Amino acid sequence: MKKITYDDVIKRIGFFRTRSNLSLRELSGRLGYNPQFMKTIENQSIFLYSCLEKC
């Protein structure tokens, strides 16, 4: 079984976000985070692991 990488997770988030016709800002708001949250994740400015620790 293939290990899932950070890039794979980002691609899947992007796929479902665009499929649902949500902007980065709107998705961040629906998740309860500030409007720039998803942008920082998709730009890989923050490690997803550290975000998941806070949840």
Protein backbone atom coordinates (compact mmCIF):
# COMPACT_ATOMS: atom_id res chain seq x y z
CA MET A 1 0.00 0.00 0.00
CA LYS A 2 1.34 3.41 -1.00
CA LYS A 3 2.13 5.88 1.75
CA ILE A 4 0.08 9.06 1.57
CA THR A 5 2.24 12.16 1.25
CA TYR A 6 1.52 15.76 2.16
CA ASP A 7 1.12 16.56 -1.53
CA ASP A 8 -1.47 13.78 -1.92
CA VAL A 9 -3.54 15.23 0.93
CA ILE A 10 -3.32 18.75 -0.52
CA LYS A 11 -4.41 17.47 -3.95
CA ARG A 12 -7.40 15.64 -2.45
CA ILE A 13 -8.47 18.68 -0.44
CA GLY A 14 -8.20 20.79 -3.59
CA PHE A 15 -10.15 18.21 -5.62
CA PHE A 16 -13.09 18.09 -3.21
CA ARG A 17 -12.99 21.85 -2.63
CA THR A 18 -13.31 22.61 -6.34
CA ARG A 19 -15.84 19.82 -6.80
CA SER A 20 -17.97 21.46 -4.11
CA ASN A 21 -17.41 24.84 -5.76
CA LEU A 22 -15.90 26.39 -2.61
CA SER A 23 -13.27 29.08 -2.50
CA LEU A 24 -10.33 28.75 -0.13
CA ARG A 25 -11.81 31.53 1.99
CA GLU A 26 -15.25 29.91 2.16
CA LEU A 27 -13.84 26.50 3.06
CA SER A 28 -11.73 28.03 5.83
CA GLY A 29 -14.80 29.76 7.23
CA ARG A 30 -16.86 26.58 7.15
CA LEU A 31 -14.11 24.79 9.05
CA GLY A 32 -14.14 27.55 11.66
CA TYR A 33 -10.70 28.95 10.87
CA ASN A 34 -9.57 32.37 9.71
CA PRO A 35 -10.02 33.12 5.98
CA GLN A 36 -6.31 32.56 5.17
CA PHE A 37 -6.09 29.10 6.78
CA MET A 38 -6.64 26.93 3.69
CA LYS A 39 -4.46 29.21 1.57
CA THR A 40 -1.51 28.63 3.90
CA ILE A 41 -2.08 24.87 3.74
CA GLU A 42 -2.42 24.72 -0.06
CA ASN A 43 0.67 26.91 -0.46
CA GLN A 44 2.46 24.54 1.94
CA SER A 45 3.38 27.46 4.20
CA ILE A 46 2.35 25.40 7.20
CA PHE A 47 2.67 21.71 7.94
CA LEU A 48 -0.68 19.93 7.97
CA TYR A 49 0.49 17.75 10.87
CA SER A 50 0.78 20.78 13.17
CA CYS A 51 -2.74 21.84 12.14
CA LEU A 52 -4.13 18.41 12.95
CA GLU A 53 -2.54 18.45 16.40
CA LYS A 54 -4.64 21.50 17.28
CA CYS A 55 -7.91 19.78 16.31
